[in-house]
PDB file of all heavy atoms in Angstrom:
ATOM      1  N   ARG A   1     -62.628   4.002  27.293  1.00  0.00           N
ATOM      2  CA  ARG A   1     -61.203   4.041  26.839  1.00  0.00           C
ATOM      3  C   ARG A   1     -60.938   5.298  26.162  1.00  0.00           C
ATOM      4  O   ARG A   1     -61.795   5.791  25.335  1.00  0.00           O
ATOM      5  CB  ARG A   1     -61.012   2.833  26.024  1.00  0.00           C
ATOM      6  CG  ARG A   1     -61.027   1.454  26.657  1.00  0.00           C
ATOM      7  CD  ARG A   1     -60.577   0.398  25.762  1.00  0.00           C
ATOM      8  NE  ARG A   1     -60.931   0.574  24.364  1.00  0.00           N
ATOM      9  CZ  ARG A   1     -61.887  -0.076  23.732  1.00  0.00           C
ATOM     10  NH1 ARG A   1     -62.521  -0.987  24.361  1.00  0.00           N
ATOM     11  NH2 ARG A   1     -62.129   0.072  22.483  1.00  0.00           N
ATOM     12  N   PRO A   2     -59.687   5.842  26.233  1.00  0.00           N
ATOM     13  CA  PRO A   2     -59.265   6.978  25.522  1.00  0.00           C
ATOM     14  C   PRO A   2     -59.362   6.846  24.037  1.00  0.00           C
ATOM     15  O   PRO A   2     -59.719   7.727  23.311  1.00  0.00           O
ATOM     16  CB  PRO A   2     -57.894   7.273  25.986  1.00  0.00           C
ATOM     17  CG  PRO A   2     -57.750   6.620  27.347  1.00  0.00           C
ATOM     18  CD  PRO A   2     -58.659   5.530  27.272  1.00  0.00           C
ATOM     19  N   SER A   3     -59.088   5.639  23.523  1.00  0.00           N
ATOM     20  CA  SER A   3     -59.158   5.376  22.077  1.00  0.00           C
ATOM     21  C   SER A   3     -60.569   5.452  21.649  1.00  0.00           C
ATOM     22  O   SER A   3     -60.854   5.904  20.426  1.00  0.00           O
ATOM     23  CB  SER A   3     -58.532   4.039  21.775  1.00  0.00           C
ATOM     24  OG  SER A   3     -59.300   3.032  22.383  1.00  0.00           O
ATOM     25  N   ALA A   4     -61.570   5.053  22.380  1.00  0.00           N
ATOM     26  CA  ALA A   4     -62.925   5.175  22.058  1.00  0.00           C
ATOM     27  C   ALA A   4     -63.381   6.684  21.937  1.00  0.00           C
ATOM     28  O   ALA A   4     -64.165   7.012  21.208  1.00  0.00           O
ATOM     29  CB  ALA A   4     -63.791   4.349  22.993  1.00  0.00           C
ATOM     30  N   LEU A   5     -62.828   7.536  22.862  1.00  0.00           N
ATOM     31  CA  LEU A   5     -63.205   8.883  22.822  1.00  0.00           C
ATOM     32  C   LEU A   5     -62.568   9.601  21.623  1.00  0.00           C
ATOM     33  O   LEU A   5     -63.207  10.401  21.079  1.00  0.00           O
ATOM     34  CB  LEU A   5     -62.713   9.561  24.133  1.00  0.00           C
ATOM     35  CG  LEU A   5     -63.405   9.064  25.420  1.00  0.00           C
ATOM     36  CD1 LEU A   5     -62.720   9.683  26.618  1.00  0.00           C
ATOM     37  CD2 LEU A   5     -64.866   9.493  25.303  1.00  0.00           C
ATOM     38  N   ARG A   6     -61.388   9.202  21.315  1.00  0.00           N
ATOM     39  CA  ARG A   6     -60.635   9.844  20.104  1.00  0.00           C
ATOM     40  C   ARG A   6     -61.186   9.512  18.829  1.00  0.00           C
ATOM     41  O   ARG A   6     -61.086  10.204  17.886  1.00  0.00           O
ATOM     42  CB  ARG A   6     -59.200   9.562  20.229  1.00  0.00           C
ATOM     43  CG  ARG A   6     -58.392  10.410  21.225  1.00  0.00           C
ATOM     44  CD  ARG A   6     -56.949  10.185  21.022  1.00  0.00           C
ATOM     45  NE  ARG A   6     -56.420   8.877  21.292  1.00  0.00           N
ATOM     46  CZ  ARG A   6     -56.051   8.381  22.417  1.00  0.00           C
ATOM     47  NH1 ARG A   6     -56.053   9.198  23.356  1.00  0.00           N
ATOM     48  NH2 ARG A   6     -55.668   7.217  22.476  1.00  0.00           N
ATOM     49  N   GLY A   7     -61.668   8.266  18.738  1.00  0.00           N
ATOM     50  CA  GLY A   7     -62.245   7.802  17.433  1.00  0.00           C
ATOM     51  C   GLY A   7     -61.058   7.452  16.504  1.00  0.00           C
ATOM     52  O   GLY A   7     -60.224   6.732  16.842  1.00  0.00           O
ATOM     53  N   ASP A   8     -61.098   8.048  15.270  1.00  0.00           N
ATOM     54  CA  ASP A   8     -60.156   7.629  14.261  1.00  0.00           C
ATOM     55  C   ASP A   8     -58.915   8.587  14.237  1.00  0.00           C
ATOM     56  O   ASP A   8     -58.044   8.497  13.411  1.00  0.00           O
ATOM     57  CB  ASP A   8     -60.755   7.663  12.884  1.00  0.00           C
ATOM     58  CG  ASP A   8     -61.799   6.564  12.781  1.00  0.00           C
ATOM     59  OD1 ASP A   8     -61.588   5.552  13.580  1.00  0.00           O
ATOM     60  OD2 ASP A   8     -62.764   6.661  11.949  1.00  0.00           O
ATOM     61  N   ARG A   9     -58.913   9.614  15.160  1.00  0.00           N
ATOM     62  CA  ARG A   9     -57.723  10.491  15.136  1.00  0.00           C
ATOM     63  C   ARG A   9     -56.496   9.829  15.540  1.00  0.00           C
ATOM     64  O   ARG A   9     -56.532   8.950  16.430  1.00  0.00           O
ATOM     65  CB  ARG A   9     -57.919  11.625  16.074  1.00  0.00           C
ATOM     66  CG  ARG A   9     -59.093  12.496  15.610  1.00  0.00           C
ATOM     67  CD  ARG A   9     -59.185  13.771  16.439  1.00  0.00           C
ATOM     68  NE  ARG A   9     -58.854  13.521  17.921  1.00  0.00           N
ATOM     69  CZ  ARG A   9     -59.199  14.350  18.853  1.00  0.00           C
ATOM     70  NH1 ARG A   9     -59.925  15.328  18.644  1.00  0.00           N
ATOM     71  NH2 ARG A   9     -58.931  14.022  20.134  1.00  0.00           N
ATOM     72  N   PRO A  10     -55.382  10.053  14.812  1.00  0.00           N
ATOM     73  CA  PRO A  10     -54.210   9.307  15.215  1.00  0.00           C
ATOM     74  C   PRO A  10     -53.558   9.862  16.540  1.00  0.00           C
ATOM     75  O   PRO A  10     -53.856  10.950  16.973  1.00  0.00           O
ATOM     76  CB  PRO A  10     -53.162   9.778  14.013  1.00  0.00           C
ATOM     77  CG  PRO A  10     -53.766  11.033  13.507  1.00  0.00           C
ATOM     78  CD  PRO A  10     -55.193  10.960  13.713  1.00  0.00           C
ATOM     79  N   VAL A  11     -52.929   8.946  17.187  1.00  0.00           N
ATOM     80  CA  VAL A  11     -52.292   9.264  18.475  1.00  0.00           C
ATOM     81  C   VAL A  11     -51.026  10.052  18.223  1.00  0.00           C
ATOM     82  O   VAL A  11     -50.143   9.578  17.410  1.00  0.00           O
ATOM     83  CB  VAL A  11     -52.015   7.949  19.213  1.00  0.00           C
ATOM     84  CG1 VAL A  11     -51.301   8.220  20.474  1.00  0.00           C
ATOM     85  CG2 VAL A  11     -53.272   7.076  19.463  1.00  0.00           C
ATOM     86  N   ARG A  12     -50.896  11.097  18.884  1.00  0.00           N
ATOM     87  CA  ARG A  12     -49.647  11.972  18.759  1.00  0.00           C
ATOM     88  C   ARG A  12     -48.585  11.492  19.645  1.00  0.00           C
ATOM     89  O   ARG A  12     -48.826  11.292  20.838  1.00  0.00           O
ATOM     90  CB  ARG A  12     -50.064  13.385  19.047  1.00  0.00           C
ATOM     91  CG  ARG A  12     -49.054  14.415  18.516  1.00  0.00           C
ATOM     92  CD  ARG A  12     -49.655  15.680  18.679  1.00  0.00           C
ATOM     93  NE  ARG A  12     -48.564  16.645  18.944  1.00  0.00           N
ATOM     94  CZ  ARG A  12     -48.519  17.764  19.534  1.00  0.00           C
ATOM     95  NH1 ARG A  12     -49.764  18.321  19.860  1.00  0.00           N
ATOM     96  NH2 ARG A  12     -47.505  18.412  19.739  1.00  0.00           N
ATOM     97  N   ARG A  13     -47.380  11.184  19.128  1.00  0.00           N
ATOM     98  CA  ARG A  13     -46.326  10.651  19.953  1.00  0.00           C
ATOM     99  C   ARG A  13     -45.261  11.692  20.059  1.00  0.00           C
ATOM    100  O   ARG A  13     -45.053  12.471  19.166  1.00  0.00           O
ATOM    101  CB  ARG A  13     -45.758   9.376  19.302  1.00  0.00           C
ATOM    102  CG  ARG A  13     -46.839   8.333  19.216  1.00  0.00           C
ATOM    103  CD  ARG A  13     -46.296   7.085  18.943  1.00  0.00           C
ATOM    104  NE  ARG A  13     -47.600   6.239  18.758  1.00  0.00           N
ATOM    105  CZ  ARG A  13     -47.612   5.011  18.759  1.00  0.00           C
ATOM    106  NH1 ARG A  13     -46.512   4.317  18.889  1.00  0.00           N
ATOM    107  NH2 ARG A  13     -48.700   4.411  18.549  1.00  0.00           N
ATOM    108  N   ALA A  14     -44.541  11.615  21.216  1.00  0.00           N
ATOM    109  CA  ALA A  14     -43.497  12.564  21.468  1.00  0.00           C
ATOM    110  C   ALA A  14     -42.328  12.265  20.412  1.00  0.00           C
ATOM    111  O   ALA A  14     -42.000  11.198  20.275  1.00  0.00           O
ATOM    112  CB  ALA A  14     -43.042  12.533  22.815  1.00  0.00           C
ATOM    113  N   ARG A  15     -41.732  13.348  19.908  1.00  0.00           N
ATOM    114  CA  ARG A  15     -40.709  13.239  19.003  1.00  0.00           C
ATOM    115  C   ARG A  15     -39.401  12.894  19.894  1.00  0.00           C
ATOM    116  O   ARG A  15     -39.149  13.446  20.902  1.00  0.00           O
ATOM    117  CB  ARG A  15     -40.428  14.637  18.278  1.00  0.00           C
ATOM    118  CG  ARG A  15     -39.358  14.510  17.251  1.00  0.00           C
ATOM    119  CD  ARG A  15     -39.305  15.810  16.487  1.00  0.00           C
ATOM    120  NE  ARG A  15     -38.828  16.840  17.331  1.00  0.00           N
ATOM    121  CZ  ARG A  15     -37.588  17.254  17.477  1.00  0.00           C
ATOM    122  NH1 ARG A  15     -36.652  16.748  16.672  1.00  0.00           N
ATOM    123  NH2 ARG A  15     -37.247  18.229  18.210  1.00  0.00           N
ATOM    124  N   ARG A  16     -38.676  11.914  19.377  1.00  0.00           N
ATOM    125  CA  ARG A  16     -37.427  11.522  20.086  1.00  0.00           C
ATOM    126  C   ARG A  16     -36.353  12.545  19.793  1.00  0.00           C
ATOM    127  O   ARG A  16     -36.141  12.902  18.684  1.00  0.00           O
ATOM    128  CB  ARG A  16     -37.068  10.131  19.628  1.00  0.00           C
ATOM    129  CG  ARG A  16     -35.892   9.620  20.447  1.00  0.00           C
ATOM    130  CD  ARG A  16     -35.630   8.123  20.080  1.00  0.00           C
ATOM    131  NE  ARG A  16     -34.396   7.794  20.620  1.00  0.00           N
ATOM    132  CZ  ARG A  16     -33.421   7.126  19.960  1.00  0.00           C
ATOM    133  NH1 ARG A  16     -33.676   6.765  18.701  1.00  0.00           N
ATOM    134  NH2 ARG A  16     -32.407   6.829  20.579  1.00  0.00           N
ATOM    135  N   ARG A  17     -35.596  12.921  20.808  1.00  0.00           N
ATOM    136  CA  ARG A  17     -34.553  13.933  20.687  1.00  0.00           C
ATOM    137  C   ARG A  17     -33.414  13.218  19.960  1.00  0.00           C
ATOM    138  O   ARG A  17     -32.993  12.145  20.211  1.00  0.00           O
ATOM    139  CB  ARG A  17     -34.039  14.369  22.086  1.00  0.00           C
ATOM    140  CG  ARG A  17     -35.186  15.165  22.781  1.00  0.00           C
ATOM    141  CD  ARG A  17     -34.691  15.646  24.112  1.00  0.00           C
ATOM    142  NE  ARG A  17     -33.521  16.517  24.048  1.00  0.00           N
ATOM    143  CZ  ARG A  17     -33.561  17.829  23.795  1.00  0.00           C
ATOM    144  NH1 ARG A  17     -34.781  18.306  23.674  1.00  0.00           N
ATOM    145  NH2 ARG A  17     -32.590  18.536  23.699  1.00  0.00           N
ATOM    146  N   ARG A  18     -32.740  14.017  19.032  1.00  0.00           N
ATOM    147  CA  ARG A  18     -31.606  13.549  18.359  1.00  0.00           C
ATOM    148  C   ARG A  18     -30.320  13.568  19.200  1.00  0.00           C
ATOM    149  O   ARG A  18     -29.543  12.730  19.086  1.00  0.00           O
ATOM    150  CB  ARG A  18     -31.344  14.353  17.044  1.00  0.00           C
ATOM    151  CG  ARG A  18     -32.423  14.022  16.052  1.00  0.00           C
ATOM    152  CD  ARG A  18     -32.200  14.855  14.722  1.00  0.00           C
ATOM    153  NE  ARG A  18     -30.988  15.516  14.682  1.00  0.00           N
ATOM    154  CZ  ARG A  18     -30.752  16.604  13.896  1.00  0.00           C
ATOM    155  NH1 ARG A  18     -31.689  16.922  13.018  1.00  0.00           N
ATOM    156  NH2 ARG A  18     -29.592  17.180  13.866  1.00  0.00           N
ATOM    157  N   TYR A  19     -30.257  14.586  20.019  1.00  0.00           N
ATOM    158  CA  TYR A  19     -29.091  14.715  20.865  1.00  0.00           C
ATOM    159  C   TYR A  19     -29.582  14.768  22.384  1.00  0.00           C
ATOM    160  O   TYR A  19     -30.584  15.404  22.693  1.00  0.00           O
ATOM    161  CB  TYR A  19     -28.303  15.961  20.472  1.00  0.00           C
ATOM    162  CG  TYR A  19     -27.823  15.937  19.148  1.00  0.00           C
ATOM    163  CD1 TYR A  19     -28.470  16.520  18.098  1.00  0.00           C
ATOM    164  CD2 TYR A  19     -26.632  15.290  18.901  1.00  0.00           C
ATOM    165  CE1 TYR A  19     -28.005  16.393  16.791  1.00  0.00           C
ATOM    166  CE2 TYR A  19     -26.109  15.185  17.568  1.00  0.00           C
ATOM    167  CZ  TYR A  19     -26.791  15.728  16.576  1.00  0.00           C
ATOM    168  OH  TYR A  19     -26.335  15.631  15.302  1.00  0.00           O
ATOM    169  N   PRO A  20     -28.745  14.288  23.301  1.00  0.00           N
ATOM    170  CA  PRO A  20     -29.182  14.268  24.691  1.00  0.00           C
ATOM    171  C   PRO A  20     -29.054  15.733  25.272  1.00  0.00           C
ATOM    172  O   PRO A  20     -28.305  16.514  24.750  1.00  0.00           O
ATOM    173  CB  PRO A  20     -28.161  13.373  25.364  1.00  0.00           C
ATOM    174  CG  PRO A  20     -26.984  13.297  24.443  1.00  0.00           C
ATOM    175  CD  PRO A  20     -27.486  13.589  23.094  1.00  0.00           C
ATOM    176  N   ASN A  21     -29.832  15.939  26.353  1.00  0.00           N
ATOM    177  CA  ASN A  21     -29.800  17.174  27.001  1.00  0.00           C
ATOM    178  C   ASN A  21     -28.378  17.377  27.682  1.00  0.00           C
ATOM    179  O   ASN A  21     -27.674  16.359  27.982  1.00  0.00           O
ATOM    180  CB  ASN A  21     -30.856  17.180  28.183  1.00  0.00           C
ATOM    181  CG  ASN A  21     -32.230  17.512  27.587  1.00  0.00           C
ATOM    182  OD1 ASN A  21     -32.385  18.118  26.673  1.00  0.00           O
ATOM    183  ND2 ASN A  21     -33.132  16.989  28.393  1.00  0.00           N
ATOM    184  N   ILE A  22     -28.010  18.584  27.824  1.00  0.00           N
ATOM    185  CA  ILE A  22     -26.782  18.862  28.437  1.00  0.00           C
ATOM    186  C   ILE A  22     -26.998  18.697  29.898  1.00  0.00           C
ATOM    187  O   ILE A  22     -27.806  19.263  30.609  1.00  0.00           O
ATOM    188  CB  ILE A  22     -26.367  20.246  28.193  1.00  0.00           C
ATOM    189  CG1 ILE A  22     -26.124  20.471  26.660  1.00  0.00           C
ATOM    190  CG2 ILE A  22     -24.984  20.608  28.894  1.00  0.00           C
ATOM    191  CD1 ILE A  22     -25.907  21.958  26.268  1.00  0.00           C
ATOM    192  N   ASP A  23     -26.192  17.770  30.497  1.00  0.00           N
ATOM    193  CA  ASP A  23     -26.304  17.424  31.943  1.00  0.00           C
ATOM    194  C   ASP A  23     -25.972  18.608  32.811  1.00  0.00           C
ATOM    195  O   ASP A  23     -25.096  19.488  32.524  1.00  0.00           O
ATOM    196  CB  ASP A  23     -25.441  16.196  32.333  1.00  0.00           C
ATOM    197  CG  ASP A  23     -25.994  14.979  31.663  1.00  0.00           C
ATOM    198  OD1 ASP A  23     -27.166  14.936  31.276  1.00  0.00           O
ATOM    199  OD2 ASP A  23     -25.189  13.986  31.455  1.00  0.00           O
ATOM    200  N   ARG A  24     -26.367  18.638  34.012  1.00  0.00           N
ATOM    201  CA  ARG A  24     -26.090  19.592  35.063  1.00  0.00           C
ATOM    202  C   ARG A  24     -26.381  21.000  34.802  1.00  0.00           C
ATOM    203  O   ARG A  24     -25.793  21.925  35.272  1.00  0.00           O
ATOM    204  CB  ARG A  24     -24.585  19.364  35.440  1.00  0.00           C
ATOM    205  CG  ARG A  24     -24.200  18.098  35.875  1.00  0.00           C
ATOM    206  CD  ARG A  24     -22.772  17.976  36.309  1.00  0.00           C
ATOM    207  NE  ARG A  24     -21.876  18.401  35.194  1.00  0.00           N
ATOM    208  CZ  ARG A  24     -21.048  17.632  34.586  1.00  0.00           C
ATOM    209  NH1 ARG A  24     -20.788  16.332  35.028  1.00  0.00           N
ATOM    210  NH2 ARG A  24     -20.313  18.116  33.544  1.00  0.00           N
ATOM    211  N   LEU A  25     -27.337  21.237  33.917  1.00  0.00           N
ATOM    212  CA  LEU A  25     -27.837  22.602  33.639  1.00  0.00           C
ATOM    213  C   LEU A  25     -29.213  22.783  34.404  1.00  0.00           C
ATOM    214  O   LEU A  25     -29.995  21.902  34.533  1.00  0.00           O
ATOM    215  CB  LEU A  25     -28.111  22.853  32.204  1.00  0.00           C
ATOM    216  CG  LEU A  25     -26.864  23.037  31.412  1.00  0.00           C
ATOM    217  CD1 LEU A  25     -27.267  23.402  29.909  1.00  0.00           C
ATOM    218  CD2 LEU A  25     -25.896  24.155  31.926  1.00  0.00           C
ATOM    219  N   SER A  26     -29.350  23.991  35.032  1.00  0.00           N
ATOM    220  CA  SER A  26     -30.597  24.213  35.786  1.00  0.00           C
ATOM    221  C   SER A  26     -31.762  24.445  34.789  1.00  0.00           C
ATOM    222  O   SER A  26     -31.541  24.621  33.592  1.00  0.00           O
ATOM    223  CB  SER A  26     -30.443  25.497  36.594  1.00  0.00           C
ATOM    224  OG  SER A  26     -30.244  26.575  35.773  1.00  0.00           O
ATOM    225  N   GLY A  27     -32.978  24.499  35.302  1.00  0.00           N
ATOM    226  CA  GLY A  27     -34.132  24.646  34.486  1.00  0.00           C
ATOM    227  C   GLY A  27     -34.156  25.968  33.854  1.00  0.00           C
ATOM    228  O   GLY A  27     -34.566  26.186  32.660  1.00  0.00           O
ATOM    229  N   SER A  28     -33.726  27.036  34.549  1.00  0.00           N
ATOM    230  CA  SER A  28     -33.728  28.368  34.032  1.00  0.00           C
ATOM    231  C   SER A  28     -32.741  28.551  32.854  1.00  0.00           C
ATOM    232  O   SER A  28     -32.974  29.203  31.827  1.00  0.00           O
ATOM    233  CB  SER A  28     -33.479  29.364  35.106  1.00  0.00           C
ATOM    234  OG  SER A  28     -32.095  29.190  35.661  1.00  0.00           O
ATOM    235  N   CYS A  29     -31.581  27.857  32.974  1.00  0.00           N
ATOM    236  CA  CYS A  29     -30.586  27.884  31.964  1.00  0.00           C
ATOM    237  C   CYS A  29     -31.115  27.101  30.655  1.00  0.00           C
ATOM    238  O   CYS A  29     -30.961  27.643  29.541  1.00  0.00           O
ATOM    239  CB  CYS A  29     -29.260  27.261  32.396  1.00  0.00           C
ATOM    240  SG  CYS A  29     -28.009  27.295  31.142  1.00  0.00           S
ATOM    241  N   ARG A  30     -31.762  26.009  30.866  1.00  0.00           N
ATOM    242  CA  ARG A  30     -32.390  25.327  29.701  1.00  0.00           C
ATOM    243  C   ARG A  30     -33.419  26.123  29.066  1.00  0.00           C
ATOM    244  O   ARG A  30     -33.592  26.106  27.791  1.00  0.00           O
ATOM    245  CB  ARG A  30     -32.977  24.029  30.160  1.00  0.00           C
ATOM    246  CG  ARG A  30     -31.893  22.983  30.553  1.00  0.00           C
ATOM    247  CD  ARG A  30     -32.522  21.738  31.065  1.00  0.00           C
ATOM    248  NE  ARG A  30     -31.489  20.970  31.732  1.00  0.00           N
ATOM    249  CZ  ARG A  30     -31.371  19.602  31.582  1.00  0.00           C
ATOM    250  NH1 ARG A  30     -32.172  18.981  30.864  1.00  0.00           N
ATOM    251  NH2 ARG A  30     -30.413  19.019  32.234  1.00  0.00           N
ATOM    252  N   ALA A  31     -34.189  26.845  29.904  1.00  0.00           N
ATOM    253  CA  ALA A  31     -35.251  27.711  29.252  1.00  0.00           C
ATOM    254  C   ALA A  31     -34.640  28.903  28.453  1.00  0.00           C
ATOM    255  O   ALA A  31     -35.172  29.202  27.380  1.00  0.00           O
ATOM    256  CB  ALA A  31     -36.112  28.254  30.428  1.00  0.00           C
ATOM    257  N   ASP A  32     -33.540  29.440  29.037  1.00  0.00           N
ATOM    258  CA  ASP A  32     -32.862  30.469  28.229  1.00  0.00           C
ATOM    259  C   ASP A  32     -32.301  29.947  26.931  1.00  0.00           C
ATOM    260  O   ASP A  32     -32.298  30.643  25.867  1.00  0.00           O
ATOM    261  CB  ASP A  32     -31.739  30.991  29.060  1.00  0.00           C
ATOM    262  CG  ASP A  32     -32.322  31.917  30.233  1.00  0.00           C
ATOM    263  OD1 ASP A  32     -33.361  32.423  30.147  1.00  0.00           O
ATOM    264  OD2 ASP A  32     -31.475  32.097  31.262  1.00  0.00           O
ATOM    265  N   LEU A  33     -31.708  28.699  26.999  1.00  0.00           N
ATOM    266  CA  LEU A  33     -31.280  28.077  25.755  1.00  0.00           C
ATOM    267  C   LEU A  33     -32.410  27.924  24.756  1.00  0.00           C
ATOM    268  O   LEU A  33     -32.199  28.160  23.556  1.00  0.00           O
ATOM    269  CB  LEU A  33     -30.646  26.756  26.073  1.00  0.00           C
ATOM    270  CG  LEU A  33     -29.151  26.705  26.488  1.00  0.00           C
ATOM    271  CD1 LEU A  33     -28.766  25.282  26.895  1.00  0.00           C
ATOM    272  CD2 LEU A  33     -28.296  27.295  25.389  1.00  0.00           C
ATOM    273  N   ARG A  34     -33.549  27.414  25.069  1.00  0.00           N
ATOM    274  CA  ARG A  34     -34.674  27.223  24.202  1.00  0.00           C
ATOM    275  C   ARG A  34     -35.070  28.547  23.592  1.00  0.00           C
ATOM    276  O   ARG A  34     -35.374  28.583  22.438  1.00  0.00           O
ATOM    277  CB  ARG A  34     -35.801  26.520  25.018  1.00  0.00           C
ATOM    278  CG  ARG A  34     -35.607  25.172  25.579  1.00  0.00           C
ATOM    279  CD  ARG A  34     -35.509  24.142  24.438  1.00  0.00           C
ATOM    280  NE  ARG A  34     -35.063  22.891  25.068  1.00  0.00           N
ATOM    281  CZ  ARG A  34     -33.825  22.379  25.119  1.00  0.00           C
ATOM    282  NH1 ARG A  34     -32.810  23.167  24.562  1.00  0.00           N
ATOM    283  NH2 ARG A  34     -33.512  21.221  25.543  1.00  0.00           N
ATOM    284  N   ARG A  35     -35.205  29.525  24.454  1.00  0.00           N
ATOM    285  CA  ARG A  35     -35.580  30.801  24.000  1.00  0.00           C
ATOM    286  C   ARG A  35     -34.651  31.353  22.893  1.00  0.00           C
ATOM    287  O   ARG A  35     -35.010  31.851  21.934  1.00  0.00           O
ATOM    288  CB  ARG A  35     -35.677  31.837  25.172  1.00  0.00           C
ATOM    289  CG  ARG A  35     -36.714  32.755  25.054  1.00  0.00           C
ATOM    290  CD  ARG A  35     -36.911  33.690  26.333  1.00  0.00           C
ATOM    291  NE  ARG A  35     -37.441  32.840  27.473  1.00  0.00           N
ATOM    292  CZ  ARG A  35     -36.746  32.564  28.553  1.00  0.00           C
ATOM    293  NH1 ARG A  35     -35.588  33.210  28.806  1.00  0.00           N
ATOM    294  NH2 ARG A  35     -37.311  31.863  29.524  1.00  0.00           N
ATOM    295  N   LEU A  36     -33.320  31.173  23.182  1.00  0.00           N
ATOM    296  CA  LEU A  36     -32.317  31.655  22.271  1.00  0.00           C
ATOM    297  C   LEU A  36     -32.275  30.837  21.009  1.00  0.00           C
ATOM    298  O   LEU A  36     -32.190  31.390  19.929  1.00  0.00           O
ATOM    299  CB  LEU A  36     -30.937  31.573  22.922  1.00  0.00           C
ATOM    300  CG  LEU A  36     -29.701  31.970  22.139  1.00  0.00           C
ATOM    301  CD1 LEU A  36     -29.766  33.440  21.842  1.00  0.00           C
ATOM    302  CD2 LEU A  36     -28.470  31.621  22.853  1.00  0.00           C
ATOM    303  N   GLU A  37     -32.470  29.569  21.076  1.00  0.00           N
ATOM    304  CA  GLU A  37     -32.557  28.787  19.856  1.00  0.00           C
ATOM    305  C   GLU A  37     -33.761  29.069  19.059  1.00  0.00           C
ATOM    306  O   GLU A  37     -33.725  28.928  17.791  1.00  0.00           O
ATOM    307  CB  GLU A  37     -32.510  27.248  20.298  1.00  0.00           C
ATOM    308  CG  GLU A  37     -31.143  26.786  20.823  1.00  0.00           C
ATOM    309  CD  GLU A  37     -31.170  25.364  21.313  1.00  0.00           C
ATOM    310  OE1 GLU A  37     -32.297  24.809  21.462  1.00  0.00           O
ATOM    311  OE2 GLU A  37     -30.081  24.878  21.576  1.00  0.00           O
ATOM    312  N   ARG A  38     -34.878  29.355  19.616  1.00  0.00           N
ATOM    313  CA  ARG A  38     -36.035  29.700  18.922  1.00  0.00           C
ATOM    314  C   ARG A  38     -35.822  31.009  18.152  1.00  0.00           C
ATOM    315  O   ARG A  38     -36.359  31.148  17.003  1.00  0.00           O
ATOM    316  CB  ARG A  38     -37.265  29.876  19.828  1.00  0.00           C
ATOM    317  CG  ARG A  38     -38.165  28.657  19.971  1.00  0.00           C
ATOM    318  CD  ARG A  38     -39.459  28.946  20.560  1.00  0.00           C
ATOM    319  NE  ARG A  38     -39.447  29.853  21.728  1.00  0.00           N
ATOM    320  CZ  ARG A  38     -39.347  29.309  22.984  1.00  0.00           C
ATOM    321  NH1 ARG A  38     -39.416  27.988  23.177  1.00  0.00           N
ATOM    322  NH2 ARG A  38     -39.475  30.105  23.971  1.00  0.00           N
ATOM    323  N   SER A  39     -35.101  31.924  18.702  1.00  0.00           N
ATOM    324  CA  SER A  39     -34.980  33.253  18.067  1.00  0.00           C
ATOM    325  C   SER A  39     -33.809  33.251  17.071  1.00  0.00           C
ATOM    326  O   SER A  39     -33.857  34.009  16.102  1.00  0.00           O
ATOM    327  CB  SER A  39     -34.852  34.406  19.088  1.00  0.00           C
ATOM    328  OG  SER A  39     -33.752  34.194  19.855  1.00  0.00           O
ATOM    329  N   ARG A  40     -32.716  32.611  17.431  1.00  0.00           N
ATOM    330  CA  ARG A  40     -31.521  32.841  16.587  1.00  0.00           C
ATOM    331  C   ARG A  40     -31.030  31.564  15.871  1.00  0.00           C
ATOM    332  O   ARG A  40     -30.185  31.714  14.893  1.00  0.00           O
ATOM    333  CB  ARG A  40     -30.311  33.413  17.437  1.00  0.00           C
ATOM    334  CG  ARG A  40     -30.638  34.761  17.884  1.00  0.00           C
ATOM    335  CD  ARG A  40     -29.507  35.378  18.687  1.00  0.00           C
ATOM    336  NE  ARG A  40     -28.271  35.377  17.981  1.00  0.00           N
ATOM    337  CZ  ARG A  40     -27.092  35.744  18.459  1.00  0.00           C
ATOM    338  NH1 ARG A  40     -27.018  36.167  19.784  1.00  0.00           N
ATOM    339  NH2 ARG A  40     -25.968  35.769  17.791  1.00  0.00           N
ATOM    340  N   PHE A  41     -31.292  30.369  16.394  1.00  0.00           N
ATOM    341  CA  PHE A  41     -30.687  29.266  15.894  1.00  0.00           C
ATOM    342  C   PHE A  41     -31.804  28.309  15.463  1.00  0.00           C
ATOM    343  O   PHE A  41     -32.950  28.662  15.155  1.00  0.00           O
ATOM    344  CB  PHE A  41     -29.751  28.533  16.855  1.00  0.00           C
ATOM    345  CG  PHE A  41     -28.615  29.508  17.254  1.00  0.00           C
ATOM    346  CD1 PHE A  41     -28.528  30.028  18.523  1.00  0.00           C
ATOM    347  CD2 PHE A  41     -27.669  29.939  16.362  1.00  0.00           C
ATOM    348  CE1 PHE A  41     -27.563  30.875  18.882  1.00  0.00           C
ATOM    349  CE2 PHE A  41     -26.639  30.723  16.729  1.00  0.00           C
ATOM    350  CZ  PHE A  41     -26.621  31.217  17.979  1.00  0.00           C
ATOM    351  N   TRP A  42     -31.585  26.895  15.615  1.00  0.00           N
ATOM    352  CA  TRP A  42     -32.617  25.909  15.365  1.00  0.00           C
ATOM    353  C   TRP A  42     -32.696  25.146  16.642  1.00  0.00           C
ATOM    354  O   TRP A  42     -31.846  25.056  17.496  1.00  0.00           O
ATOM    355  CB  TRP A  42     -32.196  25.110  14.148  1.00  0.00           C
ATOM    356  CG  TRP A  42     -30.936  24.328  14.200  1.00  0.00           C
ATOM    357  CD1 TRP A  42     -30.753  23.112  14.749  1.00  0.00           C
ATOM    358  CD2 TRP A  42     -29.631  24.847  13.914  1.00  0.00           C
ATOM    359  NE1 TRP A  42     -29.423  22.715  14.740  1.00  0.00           N
ATOM    360  CE2 TRP A  42     -28.639  23.776  14.181  1.00  0.00           C
ATOM    361  CE3 TRP A  42     -29.170  26.074  13.434  1.00  0.00           C
ATOM    362  CZ2 TRP A  42     -27.380  23.946  14.030  1.00  0.00           C
ATOM    363  CZ3 TRP A  42     -27.798  26.191  13.230  1.00  0.00           C
ATOM    364  CH2 TRP A  42     -26.927  25.168  13.497  1.00  0.00           C
TER     365      TRP A  42
END
């Protein structure tokens, strides 16, 4: 079992998004947004 392999390490869970993704944007546009938010915003 994966839990037996990990031992006592806590399971890392995905953080839930506070705001939904903007619908109808392409993957490249979302990637550009992520890049811009990392460099200039939050």
